[in-house]
Amino acid sequence: MTAKPGTIKLEVKSRAPKETRLTGNDVRGVVYGKKQQAVPVVAERLALRRIHDNLGFSVIFDLVIEGEAKPLPVLLHDVQYQPNSNEIIHFDLYAVTMDQKIKTDVPIHFDGEAAAQADSDKTLNTILDKLEVEALPADLPENLVLDISDLAEIGDTKHVSDIELPSGVVVLNDAEAAIVKVEEVQEIEEPEAEESEISGEDDSEQAQADGSSEDAGSNENSEDKTE
């Protein structure tokens, strides 16, 4: 989906490829496309996070590069995170050409409440939460809607082919691939307890008693030899 011009934008600064000095609020990235030479850029961390959280990877927005007169229509294409803090440490932006189709992932929105959810013995297993699509930039949907309200019995499944696609959008996933399925709740069996500690203590006490008896017999034999 394309945002209205000027309503959603990300301002960045171009940077030299070997530039290393950044503030704690800066994130390195790159913008590229079929008709756009790769340009290393720096974005403000919070502004990038807002784009990521609110638009995802399927909404086109304006990229404003400092010093450039005309904004570029772009998609957030890839994001890398710091494992411990989950902070964004690098991002890729794809400069789209409005008359050329592009491929990207679009999230699935589950509409309605499955009848199976009212039964404590049943659960919904989500297998896919996004699909790869191909479309002109202006035709990209923000999400793909899947009605799950009729999922009631164990084994009921929704497939890729069950999604009603917007005009101009083609899904590249297998049409028969499962998206969500009703399954039986599996009870977790507790492992059987091993021999009780009491039994172990009894064995230990018996062993000590046997040892004491042997020591006593050994002492008696020693006294007999001394006499």
C-alpha atoms as a PDB file:
ATOM      1  CA  MET A   1       0.000   0.000   0.000  1.00  0.00           C
ATOM      2  CA  THR A   2       1.280   3.451  -0.832  1.00  0.00           C
ATOM      3  CA  ALA A   3       1.059   6.120   1.846  1.00  0.00           C
ATOM      4  CA  LYS A   4      -0.383   9.469   0.862  1.00  0.00           C
ATOM      5  CA  PRO A   5       2.416  11.739  -0.382  1.00  0.00           C
ATOM      6  CA  GLY A   6       3.938  13.748   2.455  1.00  0.00           C
ATOM      7  CA  THR A   7       2.004  11.977   5.221  1.00  0.00           C
ATOM      8  CA  ILE A   8       4.657   9.375   6.083  1.00  0.00           C
ATOM      9  CA  LYS A   9       8.302  10.100   5.547  1.00  0.00           C
ATOM     10  CA  LEU A  10      11.712   9.196   6.895  1.00  0.00           C
ATOM     11  CA  GLU A  11      14.489  11.771   6.857  1.00  0.00           C
ATOM     12  CA  VAL A  12      18.029  10.435   6.511  1.00  0.00           C
ATOM     13  CA  LYS A  13      21.539  11.700   5.883  1.00  0.00           C
ATOM     14  CA  SER A  14      23.852  10.253   3.261  1.00  0.00           C
ATOM     15  CA  ARG A  15      27.164   8.958   4.589  1.00  0.00           C
ATOM     16  CA  ALA A  16      30.511   7.810   3.278  1.00  0.00           C
ATOM     17  CA  PRO A  17      30.692   3.982   3.094  1.00  0.00           C
ATOM     18  CA  LYS A  18      33.596   3.870   5.590  1.00  0.00           C
ATOM     19  CA  GLU A  19      32.102   6.334   8.054  1.00  0.00           C
ATOM     20  CA  THR A  20      32.210   4.877  11.582  1.00  0.00           C
ATOM     21  CA  ARG A  21      31.401   7.737  13.955  1.00  0.00           C
ATOM     22  CA  LEU A  22      27.749   7.656  14.927  1.00  0.00           C
ATOM     23  CA  THR A  23      25.810   8.955  17.886  1.00  0.00           C
ATOM     24  CA  GLY A  24      23.812   6.581  20.074  1.00  0.00           C
ATOM     25  CA  ASN A  25      20.637   7.688  18.259  1.00  0.00           C
ATOM     26  CA  ASP A  26      21.889   6.864  14.741  1.00  0.00           C
ATOM     27  CA  VAL A  27      21.412   3.698  12.696  1.00  0.00           C
ATOM     28  CA  ARG A  28      23.266   2.826   9.503  1.00  0.00           C
ATOM     29  CA  GLY A  29      21.339   1.750   6.443  1.00  0.00           C
ATOM     30  CA  VAL A  30      21.384   1.625   2.670  1.00  0.00           C
ATOM     31  CA  VAL A  31      18.834   2.493  -0.015  1.00  0.00           C
ATOM     32  CA  TYR A  32      18.905   0.795  -3.416  1.00  0.00           C
ATOM     33  CA  GLY A  33      16.649  -0.284  -6.266  1.00  0.00           C
ATOM     34  CA  LYS A  34      16.518  -1.323  -9.906  1.00  0.00           C
ATOM     35  CA  LYS A  35      16.947   2.274 -10.982  1.00  0.00           C
ATOM     36  CA  GLN A  36      18.632   3.524  -7.813  1.00  0.00           C
ATOM     37  CA  GLN A  37      22.328   3.182  -7.168  1.00  0.00           C
ATOM     38  CA  ALA A  38      23.050   2.000  -3.622  1.00  0.00           C
ATOM     39  CA  VAL A  39      23.408   4.956  -1.252  1.00  0.00           C
ATOM     40  CA  PRO A  40      24.648   4.491   2.351  1.00  0.00           C
ATOM     41  CA  VAL A  41      22.503   6.512   4.760  1.00  0.00           C
ATOM     42  CA  VAL A  42      22.021   7.205   8.474  1.00  0.00           C
ATOM     43  CA  ALA A  43      18.584   7.419  10.130  1.00  0.00           C
ATOM     44  CA  GLU A  44      17.474   8.536  13.572  1.00  0.00           C
ATOM     45  CA  ARG A  45      16.751   5.397  15.613  1.00  0.00           C
ATOM     46  CA  LEU A  46      13.325   6.358  16.997  1.00  0.00           C
ATOM     47  CA  ALA A  47      12.060   7.573  13.615  1.00  0.00           C
ATOM     48  CA  LEU A  48      13.142   4.308  12.014  1.00  0.00           C
ATOM     49  CA  ARG A  49      11.489   2.299  14.786  1.00  0.00           C
ATOM     50  CA  ARG A  50       8.191   4.136  14.189  1.00  0.00           C
ATOM     51  CA  ILE A  51       8.366   3.283  10.482  1.00  0.00           C
ATOM     52  CA  HIS A  52       9.125  -0.344  11.295  1.00  0.00           C
ATOM     53  CA  ASP A  53       6.381  -0.740  13.916  1.00  0.00           C
ATOM     54  CA  ASN A  54       3.633   1.150  12.076  1.00  0.00           C
ATOM     55  CA  LEU A  55       4.265   0.274   8.425  1.00  0.00           C
ATOM     56  CA  GLY A  56       6.125  -3.021   8.400  1.00  0.00           C
ATOM     57  CA  PHE A  57       7.487  -4.173   5.046  1.00  0.00           C
ATOM     58  CA  SER A  58       4.491  -3.660   2.793  1.00  0.00           C
ATOM     59  CA  VAL A  59       3.690   0.073   2.996  1.00  0.00           C
ATOM     60  CA  ILE A  60       5.477   2.544   0.732  1.00  0.00           C
ATOM     61  CA  PHE A  61       6.616   5.823   2.290  1.00  0.00           C
ATOM     62  CA  ASP A  62       8.730   8.828   1.283  1.00  0.00           C
ATOM     63  CA  LEU A  63      12.467   8.808   1.928  1.00  0.00           C
ATOM     64  CA  VAL A  64      13.908  12.294   2.251  1.00  0.00           C
ATOM     65  CA  ILE A  65      17.692  12.310   1.808  1.00  0.00           C
ATOM     66  CA  GLU A  66      19.364  15.447   3.133  1.00  0.00           C
ATOM     67  CA  GLY A  67      20.435  17.630   0.228  1.00  0.00           C
ATOM     68  CA  GLU A  68      18.152  15.907  -2.301  1.00  0.00           C
ATOM     69  CA  ALA A  69      15.246  17.931  -3.652  1.00  0.00           C
ATOM     70  CA  LYS A  70      12.888  15.057  -4.461  1.00  0.00           C
ATOM     71  CA  PRO A  71      11.840  12.301  -2.021  1.00  0.00           C
ATOM     72  CA  LEU A  72      12.089   8.653  -3.039  1.00  0.00           C
ATOM     73  CA  PRO A  73       9.182   6.204  -2.651  1.00  0.00           C
ATOM     74  CA  VAL A  74      10.641   3.273  -0.700  1.00  0.00           C
ATOM     75  CA  LEU A  75       9.785   0.083   1.186  1.00  0.00           C
ATOM     76  CA  LEU A  76      11.466  -1.093   4.336  1.00  0.00           C
ATOM     77  CA  HIS A  77      13.151  -4.196   2.946  1.00  0.00           C
ATOM     78  CA  ASP A  78      15.316  -5.692   5.685  1.00  0.00           C
ATOM     79  CA  VAL A  79      16.158  -4.973   9.331  1.00  0.00           C
ATOM     80  CA  GLN A  80      18.947  -6.357  11.494  1.00  0.00           C
ATOM     81  CA  TYR A  81      18.715  -6.394  15.283  1.00  0.00           C
ATOM     82  CA  GLN A  82      21.138  -6.437  18.200  1.00  0.00           C
ATOM     83  CA  PRO A  83      20.478  -9.887  19.749  1.00  0.00           C
ATOM     84  CA  ASN A  84      20.499  -8.824  23.400  1.00  0.00           C
ATOM     85  CA  SER A  85      18.634  -5.510  23.254  1.00  0.00           C
ATOM     86  CA  ASN A  86      16.537  -6.082  20.083  1.00  0.00           C
ATOM     87  CA  GLU A  87      17.603  -2.621  18.931  1.00  0.00           C
ATOM     88  CA  ILE A  88      17.783  -2.020  15.167  1.00  0.00           C
ATOM     89  CA  ILE A  89      21.447  -1.874  14.115  1.00  0.00           C
ATOM     90  CA  HIS A  90      21.087  -1.815  10.308  1.00  0.00           C
ATOM     91  CA  PHE A  91      18.330  -1.436   7.723  1.00  0.00           C
ATOM     92  CA  ASP A  92      17.770  -1.762   3.977  1.00  0.00           C
ATOM     93  CA  LEU A  93      15.360   0.376   1.994  1.00  0.00           C
ATOM     94  CA  TYR A  94      14.165  -0.528  -1.490  1.00  0.00           C
ATOM     95  CA  ALA A  95      13.482   2.352  -3.882  1.00  0.00           C
ATOM     96  CA  VAL A  96      10.424   1.332  -5.877  1.00  0.00           C
ATOM     97  CA  THR A  97       9.544   2.212  -9.442  1.00  0.00           C
ATOM     98  CA  MET A  98       5.811   2.778  -9.533  1.00  0.00           C
ATOM     99  CA  ASP A  99       5.312   1.130 -12.942  1.00  0.00           C
ATOM    100  CA  GLN A 100       7.262  -2.044 -12.101  1.00  0.00           C
ATOM    101  CA  LYS A 101       6.028  -4.948  -9.997  1.00  0.00           C
ATOM    102  CA  ILE A 102       7.859  -5.817  -6.805  1.00  0.00           C
ATOM    103  CA  LYS A 103       7.971  -8.798  -4.464  1.00  0.00           C
ATOM    104  CA  THR A 104       7.614  -8.425  -0.712  1.00  0.00           C
ATOM    105  CA  ASP A 105       6.160 -10.114   2.371  1.00  0.00           C
ATOM    106  CA  VAL A 106       2.686  -9.051   3.529  1.00  0.00           C
ATOM    107  CA  PRO A 107       1.335 -10.010   6.988  1.00  0.00           C
ATOM    108  CA  ILE A 108      -1.864 -12.044   7.385  1.00  0.00           C
ATOM    109  CA  HIS A 109      -4.680 -10.544   9.454  1.00  0.00           C
ATOM    110  CA  PHE A 110      -6.965 -13.143  11.050  1.00  0.00           C
ATOM    111  CA  ASP A 111     -10.552 -11.894  10.967  1.00  0.00           C
ATOM    112  CA  GLY A 112     -13.214 -13.174  13.372  1.00  0.00           C
ATOM    113  CA  GLU A 113     -12.965 -15.648  16.233  1.00  0.00           C
ATOM    114  CA  ALA A 114     -12.687 -19.349  15.487  1.00  0.00           C
ATOM    115  CA  ALA A 115     -15.481 -21.456  16.985  1.00  0.00           C
ATOM    116  CA  ALA A 116     -12.816 -23.908  18.136  1.00  0.00           C
ATOM    117  CA  GLN A 117     -11.424 -21.307  20.535  1.00  0.00           C
ATOM    118  CA  ALA A 118     -14.459 -21.783  22.779  1.00  0.00           C
ATOM    119  CA  ASP A 119     -13.390 -25.393  23.452  1.00  0.00           C
ATOM    120  CA  SER A 120     -10.563 -25.845  25.956  1.00  0.00           C
ATOM    121  CA  ASP A 121      -9.606 -29.138  24.274  1.00  0.00           C
ATOM    122  CA  LYS A 122      -8.825 -27.413  20.973  1.00  0.00           C
ATOM    123  CA  THR A 123      -6.197 -24.903  19.925  1.00  0.00           C
ATOM    124  CA  LEU A 124      -5.329 -22.919  16.808  1.00  0.00           C
ATOM    125  CA  ASN A 125      -1.892 -23.591  15.376  1.00  0.00           C
ATOM    126  CA  THR A 126      -0.656 -20.697  13.217  1.00  0.00           C
ATOM    127  CA  ILE A 127       1.657 -22.056  10.526  1.00  0.00           C
ATOM    128  CA  LEU A 128       2.086 -18.931   8.378  1.00  0.00           C
ATOM    129  CA  ASP A 129       1.715 -15.325   9.507  1.00  0.00           C
ATOM    130  CA  LYS A 130       2.805 -13.651   6.266  1.00  0.00           C
ATOM    131  CA  LEU A 131       2.866 -14.393   2.540  1.00  0.00           C
ATOM    132  CA  GLU A 132       5.155 -13.345  -0.287  1.00  0.00           C
ATOM    133  CA  VAL A 133       3.289 -11.358  -2.920  1.00  0.00           C
ATOM    134  CA  GLU A 134       4.005  -9.652  -6.206  1.00  0.00           C
ATOM    135  CA  ALA A 135       2.244  -6.463  -7.292  1.00  0.00           C
ATOM    136  CA  LEU A 136       2.678  -2.952  -8.550  1.00  0.00           C
ATOM    137  CA  PRO A 137       3.694  -0.670  -5.669  1.00  0.00           C
ATOM    138  CA  ALA A 138       0.352   1.118  -5.676  1.00  0.00           C
ATOM    139  CA  ASP A 139      -1.517  -2.210  -5.386  1.00  0.00           C
ATOM    140  CA  LEU A 140       0.397  -3.594  -2.397  1.00  0.00           C
ATOM    141  CA  PRO A 141      -2.005  -4.329   0.479  1.00  0.00           C
ATOM    142  CA  GLU A 142      -1.086  -3.449   4.054  1.00  0.00           C
ATOM    143  CA  ASN A 143      -2.199  -6.956   5.042  1.00  0.00           C
ATOM    144  CA  LEU A 144      -4.072  -9.974   3.694  1.00  0.00           C
ATOM    145  CA  VAL A 145      -7.350 -10.796   5.457  1.00  0.00           C
ATOM    146  CA  LEU A 146      -8.298 -14.385   6.312  1.00  0.00           C
ATOM    147  CA  ASP A 147     -11.667 -15.222   7.897  1.00  0.00           C
ATOM    148  CA  ILE A 148     -11.200 -17.942  10.545  1.00  0.00           C
ATOM    149  CA  SER A 149     -14.648 -17.822  12.178  1.00  0.00           C
ATOM    150  CA  ASP A 150     -15.715 -21.156  10.652  1.00  0.00           C
ATOM    151  CA  LEU A 151     -12.819 -23.141  12.096  1.00  0.00           C
ATOM    152  CA  ALA A 152     -14.575 -25.434  14.562  1.00  0.00           C
ATOM    153  CA  GLU A 153     -13.407 -29.051  14.506  1.00  0.00           C
ATOM    154  CA  ILE A 154     -10.017 -30.682  14.970  1.00  0.00           C
ATOM    155  CA  GLY A 155      -8.356 -30.859  11.567  1.00  0.00           C
ATOM    156  CA  ASP A 156     -10.153 -27.809  10.133  1.00  0.00           C
ATOM    157  CA  THR A 157      -7.559 -25.886   8.142  1.00  0.00           C
ATOM    158  CA  LYS A 158      -7.258 -22.645   6.201  1.00  0.00           C
ATOM    159  CA  HIS A 159      -4.948 -22.616   3.193  1.00  0.00           C
ATOM    160  CA  VAL A 160      -3.327 -19.927   1.085  1.00  0.00           C
ATOM    161  CA  SER A 161      -6.047 -20.448  -1.509  1.00  0.00           C
ATOM    162  CA  ASP A 162      -8.682 -19.390   1.067  1.00  0.00           C
ATOM    163  CA  ILE A 163      -7.479 -15.780   1.074  1.00  0.00           C
ATOM    164  CA  GLU A 164      -9.398 -13.404  -1.165  1.00  0.00           C
ATOM    165  CA  LEU A 165      -6.720 -11.376  -2.913  1.00  0.00           C
ATOM    166  CA  PRO A 166      -7.042  -7.682  -3.812  1.00  0.00           C
ATOM    167  CA  SER A 167      -6.994  -6.819  -7.488  1.00  0.00           C
ATOM    168  CA  GLY A 168      -3.531  -6.852  -9.006  1.00  0.00           C
ATOM    169  CA  VAL A 169      -1.951  -8.941  -6.228  1.00  0.00           C
ATOM    170  CA  VAL A 170      -0.428 -12.378  -6.814  1.00  0.00           C
ATOM    171  CA  VAL A 171       0.632 -14.657  -3.955  1.00  0.00           C
ATOM    172  CA  LEU A 172       3.840 -16.573  -4.611  1.00  0.00           C
ATOM    173  CA  ASN A 173       3.368 -19.191  -1.874  1.00  0.00           C
ATOM    174  CA  ASP A 174       1.945 -22.643  -2.687  1.00  0.00           C
ATOM    175  CA  ALA A 175      -1.850 -22.344  -2.875  1.00  0.00           C
ATOM    176  CA  GLU A 176      -2.270 -25.537  -0.830  1.00  0.00           C
ATOM    177  CA  ALA A 177       0.069 -24.454   1.962  1.00  0.00           C
ATOM    178  CA  ALA A 178      -1.666 -24.436   5.351  1.00  0.00           C
ATOM    179  CA  ILE A 179      -1.947 -21.131   7.200  1.00  0.00           C
ATOM    180  CA  VAL A 180      -3.816 -22.065  10.379  1.00  0.00           C
ATOM    181  CA  LYS A 181      -5.163 -25.384  11.691  1.00  0.00           C
ATOM    182  CA  VAL A 182      -7.354 -26.577  14.567  1.00  0.00           C
ATOM    183  CA  GLU A 183      -5.509 -29.127  16.682  1.00  0.00           C
ATOM    184  CA  GLU A 184      -6.175 -31.069  19.855  1.00  0.00           C
ATOM    185  CA  VAL A 185      -4.587 -29.692  22.993  1.00  0.00           C
ATOM    186  CA  GLN A 186      -1.824 -32.069  24.000  1.00  0.00           C
ATOM    187  CA  GLU A 187      -1.525 -32.805  27.705  1.00  0.00           C
ATOM    188  CA  ILE A 188       1.999 -32.833  29.035  1.00  0.00           C
ATOM    189  CA  GLU A 189       2.586 -36.023  30.973  1.00  0.00           C
ATOM    190  CA  GLU A 190       4.687 -35.779  34.088  1.00  0.00           C
ATOM    191  CA  PRO A 191       7.618 -38.218  34.068  1.00  0.00           C
ATOM    192  CA  GLU A 192       7.303 -41.038  36.595  1.00  0.00           C
ATOM    193  CA  ALA A 193       9.247 -40.392  39.765  1.00  0.00           C
ATOM    194  CA  GLU A 194      12.304 -42.559  40.293  1.00  0.00           C
ATOM    195  CA  GLU A 195      12.876 -44.558  43.480  1.00  0.00           C
ATOM    196  CA  SER A 196      12.064 -42.458  46.501  1.00  0.00           C
ATOM    197  CA  GLU A 197      14.772 -40.869  48.581  1.00  0.00           C
ATOM    198  CA  ILE A 198      13.467 -42.834  51.548  1.00  0.00           C
ATOM    199  CA  SER A 199      14.288 -46.071  49.771  1.00  0.00           C
ATOM    200  CA  GLY A 200      17.758 -44.738  49.026  1.00  0.00           C
ATOM    201  CA  GLU A 201      18.259 -43.777  52.645  1.00  0.00           C
ATOM    202  CA  ASP A 202      17.181 -47.248  53.774  1.00  0.00           C
ATOM    203  CA  ASP A 203      19.711 -48.846  51.438  1.00  0.00           C
ATOM    204  CA  SER A 204      22.422 -46.501  52.705  1.00  0.00           C
ATOM    205  CA  GLU A 205      21.605 -47.286  56.329  1.00  0.00           C
ATOM    206  CA  GLN A 206      21.652 -51.044  55.624  1.00  0.00           C
ATOM    207  CA  ALA A 207      25.040 -50.728  53.914  1.00  0.00           C
ATOM    208  CA  GLN A 208      26.402 -48.850  56.928  1.00  0.00           C
ATOM    209  CA  ALA A 209      25.026 -51.533  59.266  1.00  0.00           C
ATOM    210  CA  ASP A 210      26.651 -54.279  57.203  1.00  0.00           C
ATOM    211  CA  GLY A 211      29.930 -52.385  57.254  1.00  0.00           C
ATOM    212  CA  SER A 212      29.754 -51.974  61.009  1.00  0.00           C
ATOM    213  CA  SER A 213      29.214 -55.722  61.458  1.00  0.00           C
ATOM    214  CA  GLU A 214      32.267 -56.534  59.365  1.00  0.00           C
ATOM    215  CA  ASP A 215      34.366 -54.054  61.369  1.00  0.00           C
ATOM    216  CA  ALA A 216      33.196 -55.649  64.638  1.00  0.00           C
ATOM    217  CA  GLY A 217      34.141 -59.132  63.409  1.00  0.00           C
ATOM    218  CA  SER A 218      37.507 -57.895  62.270  1.00  0.00           C
ATOM    219  CA  ASN A 219      38.198 -56.396  65.707  1.00  0.00           C
ATOM    220  CA  GLU A 220      37.271 -59.655  67.475  1.00  0.00           C
ATOM    221  CA  ASN A 221      39.688 -61.646  65.299  1.00  0.00           C
ATOM    222  CA  SER A 222      42.419 -59.129  66.049  1.00  0.00           C
ATOM    223  CA  GLU A 223      41.869 -59.475  69.839  1.00  0.00           C
ATOM    224  CA  ASP A 224      41.990 -63.315  69.563  1.00  0.00           C
ATOM    225  CA  LYS A 225      45.398 -63.148  67.871  1.00  0.00           C
ATOM    226  CA  THR A 226      46.722 -60.750  70.530  1.00  0.00           C
ATOM    227  CA  GLU A 227      45.786 -63.165  73.323  1.00  0.00           C
END
